[in-house]
Amino acid sequence: MTDERIRRARPEDIPALVELVYALAEYERAPEECHLTADQLQTALFGDNPAVFCHVAEHEGEVAGCAIWFLNFSTWRGVHGIYLEDLFVRPETRGTGLGKALLTALAQECVHNNYERLEWSVLNWNTPAINFYESLGAKPQDDWTIYRLTDKALTKLGS
């Protein structure tokens, strides 16, 4: 069943989405790491070759949450999946089912498109999110450690 509070993002949602991403960075205790601009997100979501997608959650006519995602690919399964980059619901609207509705919409994308995975990362200290995800049946992938190259290390390797 489709939840009428959830829809695909539209260009006019960009300012609210940027605000939500910055709020997520603040929540995740890393606001200094967030440098997203409205132009960057506009291009990523609605440019000539969009590689990022987004669903928004509305509450009382306002964008109250978002799920920003992109396609990944499993060589072992031979099909695409969804990697959820950001899931955020404004604190004042948590507990209204918007987070679950956003994840349900992504699960529906997977089922409709024959994608076999819906994956995301969660900070180890974020117990409320971990409890929420596990209540939906999500399982942690404890056998894997995420590695990341950024900034000087990335530039050094790529030069």
C-alpha atoms as a PDB file:
ATOM      1  CA  MET A   1       0.000   0.000   0.000  1.00  0.00           C
ATOM      2  CA  THR A   2       1.302   3.445  -0.909  1.00  0.00           C
ATOM      3  CA  ASP A   3       1.588   6.021   1.862  1.00  0.00           C
ATOM      4  CA  GLU A   4       0.291   9.367   0.576  1.00  0.00           C
ATOM      5  CA  ARG A   5       2.787  11.213   2.797  1.00  0.00           C
ATOM      6  CA  ILE A   6       5.690   9.865   0.734  1.00  0.00           C
ATOM      7  CA  ARG A   7       6.592  10.998  -2.779  1.00  0.00           C
ATOM      8  CA  ARG A   8       9.586  11.450  -5.062  1.00  0.00           C
ATOM      9  CA  ALA A   9      11.477  14.685  -4.537  1.00  0.00           C
ATOM     10  CA  ARG A  10      10.801  17.602  -6.865  1.00  0.00           C
ATOM     11  CA  PRO A  11      13.110  20.526  -7.753  1.00  0.00           C
ATOM     12  CA  GLU A  12      11.211  22.846  -5.426  1.00  0.00           C
ATOM     13  CA  ASP A  13      12.159  20.562  -2.508  1.00  0.00           C
ATOM     14  CA  ILE A  14      15.885  21.356  -2.834  1.00  0.00           C
ATOM     15  CA  PRO A  15      16.052  24.040  -0.073  1.00  0.00           C
ATOM     16  CA  ALA A  16      14.241  21.781   2.401  1.00  0.00           C
ATOM     17  CA  LEU A  17      16.422  18.812   1.454  1.00  0.00           C
ATOM     18  CA  VAL A  18      19.640  20.761   1.977  1.00  0.00           C
ATOM     19  CA  GLU A  19      18.311  21.854   5.358  1.00  0.00           C
ATOM     20  CA  LEU A  20      17.528  18.235   6.267  1.00  0.00           C
ATOM     21  CA  VAL A  21      21.000  17.058   5.239  1.00  0.00           C
ATOM     22  CA  TYR A  22      22.592  19.730   7.443  1.00  0.00           C
ATOM     23  CA  ALA A  23      20.291  18.746  10.312  1.00  0.00           C
ATOM     24  CA  LEU A  24      21.391  15.133   9.866  1.00  0.00           C
ATOM     25  CA  ALA A  25      25.049  16.173   9.941  1.00  0.00           C
ATOM     26  CA  GLU A  26      24.379  18.048  13.178  1.00  0.00           C
ATOM     27  CA  TYR A  27      22.569  15.009  14.637  1.00  0.00           C
ATOM     28  CA  GLU A  28      25.485  12.780  13.634  1.00  0.00           C
ATOM     29  CA  ARG A  29      27.905  15.113  15.441  1.00  0.00           C
ATOM     30  CA  ALA A  30      29.759  16.117  12.282  1.00  0.00           C
ATOM     31  CA  PRO A  31      28.343  19.437  11.055  1.00  0.00           C
ATOM     32  CA  GLU A  32      31.777  20.635   9.965  1.00  0.00           C
ATOM     33  CA  GLU A  33      31.945  17.790   7.441  1.00  0.00           C
ATOM     34  CA  CYS A  34      28.795  18.826   5.571  1.00  0.00           C
ATOM     35  CA  HIS A  35      29.442  21.117   2.596  1.00  0.00           C
ATOM     36  CA  LEU A  36      26.429  20.332   0.389  1.00  0.00           C
ATOM     37  CA  THR A  37      25.079  23.195  -1.703  1.00  0.00           C
ATOM     38  CA  ALA A  38      21.671  23.551  -3.273  1.00  0.00           C
ATOM     39  CA  ASP A  39      23.294  23.611  -6.728  1.00  0.00           C
ATOM     40  CA  GLN A  40      25.116  20.338  -6.079  1.00  0.00           C
ATOM     41  CA  LEU A  41      21.966  18.590  -4.940  1.00  0.00           C
ATOM     42  CA  GLN A  42      19.959  20.066  -7.820  1.00  0.00           C
ATOM     43  CA  THR A  43      22.465  18.653 -10.308  1.00  0.00           C
ATOM     44  CA  ALA A  44      22.717  15.275  -8.558  1.00  0.00           C
ATOM     45  CA  LEU A  45      18.951  14.772  -8.410  1.00  0.00           C
ATOM     46  CA  PHE A  46      17.698  16.590 -11.506  1.00  0.00           C
ATOM     47  CA  GLY A  47      20.670  17.168 -13.824  1.00  0.00           C
ATOM     48  CA  ASP A  48      21.220  15.572 -17.223  1.00  0.00           C
ATOM     49  CA  ASN A  49      22.398  12.263 -15.762  1.00  0.00           C
ATOM     50  CA  PRO A  50      20.965  11.924 -12.262  1.00  0.00           C
ATOM     51  CA  ALA A  51      22.753   9.282 -10.222  1.00  0.00           C
ATOM     52  CA  VAL A  52      21.060  10.118  -6.929  1.00  0.00           C
ATOM     53  CA  PHE A  53      17.382   9.785  -6.095  1.00  0.00           C
ATOM     54  CA  CYS A  54      15.225  10.972  -3.249  1.00  0.00           C
ATOM     55  CA  HIS A  55      11.904  10.367  -1.595  1.00  0.00           C
ATOM     56  CA  VAL A  56      10.433  12.964   0.741  1.00  0.00           C
ATOM     57  CA  ALA A  57       8.008  12.629   3.597  1.00  0.00           C
ATOM     58  CA  GLU A  58       5.432  15.355   4.112  1.00  0.00           C
ATOM     59  CA  HIS A  59       3.794  16.333   7.355  1.00  0.00           C
ATOM     60  CA  GLU A  60       1.108  19.017   7.369  1.00  0.00           C
ATOM     61  CA  GLY A  61       2.111  20.132   3.881  1.00  0.00           C
ATOM     62  CA  GLU A  62       5.827  20.545   4.655  1.00  0.00           C
ATOM     63  CA  VAL A  63       8.822  18.359   3.853  1.00  0.00           C
ATOM     64  CA  ALA A  64       9.558  16.680   7.172  1.00  0.00           C
ATOM     65  CA  GLY A  65      11.918  13.912   6.124  1.00  0.00           C
ATOM     66  CA  CYS A  66      13.869  12.407   3.292  1.00  0.00           C
ATOM     67  CA  ALA A  67      15.536   9.281   1.998  1.00  0.00           C
ATOM     68  CA  ILE A  68      18.409  10.061  -0.383  1.00  0.00           C
ATOM     69  CA  TRP A  69      19.661   7.010  -2.234  1.00  0.00           C
ATOM     70  CA  PHE A  70      21.504   5.640  -5.234  1.00  0.00           C
ATOM     71  CA  LEU A  71      21.827   2.343  -7.044  1.00  0.00           C
ATOM     72  CA  ASN A  72      24.580  -0.076  -6.180  1.00  0.00           C
ATOM     73  CA  PHE A  73      25.354  -3.415  -7.800  1.00  0.00           C
ATOM     74  CA  SER A  74      26.029  -6.850  -6.388  1.00  0.00           C
ATOM     75  CA  THR A  75      28.339  -8.913  -8.547  1.00  0.00           C
ATOM     76  CA  TRP A  76      27.410 -11.953  -6.472  1.00  0.00           C
ATOM     77  CA  ARG A  77      23.702 -11.559  -7.126  1.00  0.00           C
ATOM     78  CA  GLY A  78      24.083 -10.006 -10.559  1.00  0.00           C
ATOM     79  CA  VAL A  79      21.540  -7.248  -9.937  1.00  0.00           C
ATOM     80  CA  HIS A  80      21.255  -3.728  -8.612  1.00  0.00           C
ATOM     81  CA  GLY A  81      20.222  -2.742  -5.140  1.00  0.00           C
ATOM     82  CA  ILE A  82      19.620   0.506  -3.326  1.00  0.00           C
ATOM     83  CA  TYR A  83      22.137   2.140  -1.060  1.00  0.00           C
ATOM     84  CA  LEU A  84      20.418   4.532   1.312  1.00  0.00           C
ATOM     85  CA  GLU A  85      22.811   7.433   1.850  1.00  0.00           C
ATOM     86  CA  ASP A  86      20.638   9.541   4.145  1.00  0.00           C
ATOM     87  CA  LEU A  87      17.455   8.866   6.064  1.00  0.00           C
ATOM     88  CA  PHE A  88      16.312  11.725   8.232  1.00  0.00           C
ATOM     89  CA  VAL A  89      13.033  12.772   9.788  1.00  0.00           C
ATOM     90  CA  ARG A  90      12.719  16.043  11.656  1.00  0.00           C
ATOM     91  CA  PRO A  91      12.726  15.383  15.417  1.00  0.00           C
ATOM     92  CA  GLU A  92       9.314  16.976  15.914  1.00  0.00           C
ATOM     93  CA  THR A  93       7.718  14.501  13.479  1.00  0.00           C
ATOM     94  CA  ARG A  94       9.441  11.344  14.686  1.00  0.00           C
ATOM     95  CA  GLY A  95       7.072   8.708  15.960  1.00  0.00           C
ATOM     96  CA  THR A  96       4.508   9.485  13.233  1.00  0.00           C
ATOM     97  CA  GLY A  97       5.611   6.589  11.015  1.00  0.00           C
ATOM     98  CA  LEU A  98       7.433   8.725   8.448  1.00  0.00           C
ATOM     99  CA  GLY A  99      10.742   6.859   8.808  1.00  0.00           C
ATOM    100  CA  LYS A 100       9.081   3.509   8.299  1.00  0.00           C
ATOM    101  CA  ALA A 101       7.069   4.913   5.390  1.00  0.00           C
ATOM    102  CA  LEU A 102      10.261   6.146   3.699  1.00  0.00           C
ATOM    103  CA  LEU A 103      11.942   2.752   4.113  1.00  0.00           C
ATOM    104  CA  THR A 104       8.785   1.046   2.870  1.00  0.00           C
ATOM    105  CA  ALA A 105       8.879   3.216  -0.262  1.00  0.00           C
ATOM    106  CA  LEU A 106      12.485   2.148  -0.900  1.00  0.00           C
ATOM    107  CA  ALA A 107      11.596  -1.502  -0.308  1.00  0.00           C
ATOM    108  CA  GLN A 108       8.805  -1.066  -2.863  1.00  0.00           C
ATOM    109  CA  GLU A 109      11.356   0.398  -5.333  1.00  0.00           C
ATOM    110  CA  CYS A 110      13.451  -2.718  -4.805  1.00  0.00           C
ATOM    111  CA  VAL A 111      10.566  -5.124  -5.271  1.00  0.00           C
ATOM    112  CA  HIS A 112       9.165  -3.275  -8.299  1.00  0.00           C
ATOM    113  CA  ASN A 113      12.577  -3.119 -10.030  1.00  0.00           C
ATOM    114  CA  ASN A 114      13.819  -6.578  -8.988  1.00  0.00           C
ATOM    115  CA  TYR A 115      16.597  -5.098  -6.877  1.00  0.00           C
ATOM    116  CA  GLU A 116      17.717  -7.598  -4.258  1.00  0.00           C
ATOM    117  CA  ARG A 117      19.239  -5.397  -1.552  1.00  0.00           C
ATOM    118  CA  LEU A 118      18.425  -2.317   0.449  1.00  0.00           C
ATOM    119  CA  GLU A 119      21.506  -1.319   2.419  1.00  0.00           C
ATOM    120  CA  TRP A 120      22.677   1.552   4.588  1.00  0.00           C
ATOM    121  CA  SER A 121      25.131   2.417   7.340  1.00  0.00           C
ATOM    122  CA  VAL A 122      24.336   3.509  10.868  1.00  0.00           C
ATOM    123  CA  LEU A 123      26.645   4.963  13.476  1.00  0.00           C
ATOM    124  CA  ASN A 124      27.405   2.475  16.254  1.00  0.00           C
ATOM    125  CA  TRP A 125      26.270   4.915  18.947  1.00  0.00           C
ATOM    126  CA  ASN A 126      22.886   5.601  17.321  1.00  0.00           C
ATOM    127  CA  THR A 127      20.917   3.140  19.429  1.00  0.00           C
ATOM    128  CA  PRO A 128      17.476   4.612  18.623  1.00  0.00           C
ATOM    129  CA  ALA A 129      18.103   4.140  14.893  1.00  0.00           C
ATOM    130  CA  ILE A 130      19.576   0.666  15.387  1.00  0.00           C
ATOM    131  CA  ASN A 131      16.547  -0.398  17.419  1.00  0.00           C
ATOM    132  CA  PHE A 132      14.212   1.051  14.774  1.00  0.00           C
ATOM    133  CA  TYR A 133      15.983  -0.720  11.899  1.00  0.00           C
ATOM    134  CA  GLU A 134      16.110  -4.036  13.726  1.00  0.00           C
ATOM    135  CA  SER A 135      12.384  -3.748  14.547  1.00  0.00           C
ATOM    136  CA  LEU A 136      11.796  -3.749  10.769  1.00  0.00           C
ATOM    137  CA  GLY A 137      13.844  -6.913  10.326  1.00  0.00           C
ATOM    138  CA  ALA A 138      17.116  -5.302   9.191  1.00  0.00           C
ATOM    139  CA  LYS A 139      20.257  -7.183  10.195  1.00  0.00           C
ATOM    140  CA  PRO A 140      23.664  -5.641  10.912  1.00  0.00           C
ATOM    141  CA  GLN A 141      26.492  -6.805   8.672  1.00  0.00           C
ATOM    142  CA  ASP A 142      29.109  -7.165  11.392  1.00  0.00           C
ATOM    143  CA  ASP A 143      31.528  -9.113   9.193  1.00  0.00           C
ATOM    144  CA  TRP A 144      32.365  -6.036   7.119  1.00  0.00           C
ATOM    145  CA  THR A 145      34.223  -2.831   7.966  1.00  0.00           C
ATOM    146  CA  ILE A 146      33.679   0.291   5.881  1.00  0.00           C
ATOM    147  CA  TYR A 147      36.800   2.006   4.590  1.00  0.00           C
ATOM    148  CA  ARG A 148      36.891   5.502   3.150  1.00  0.00           C
ATOM    149  CA  LEU A 149      39.420   7.647   1.313  1.00  0.00           C
ATOM    150  CA  THR A 150      38.823  11.407   1.416  1.00  0.00           C
ATOM    151  CA  ASP A 151      40.651  14.709   1.378  1.00  0.00           C
ATOM    152  CA  LYS A 152      44.478  14.476   1.335  1.00  0.00           C
ATOM    153  CA  ALA A 153      44.634  10.678   1.301  1.00  0.00           C
ATOM    154  CA  LEU A 154      42.329  10.507  -1.723  1.00  0.00           C
ATOM    155  CA  THR A 155      44.242  13.244  -3.541  1.00  0.00           C
ATOM    156  CA  LYS A 156      47.584  11.577  -2.797  1.00  0.00           C
ATOM    157  CA  LEU A 157      46.437   8.196  -4.102  1.00  0.00           C
ATOM    158  CA  GLY A 158      44.742   9.695  -7.141  1.00  0.00           C
ATOM    159  CA  SER A 159      47.615  11.973  -8.189  1.00  0.00           C
END
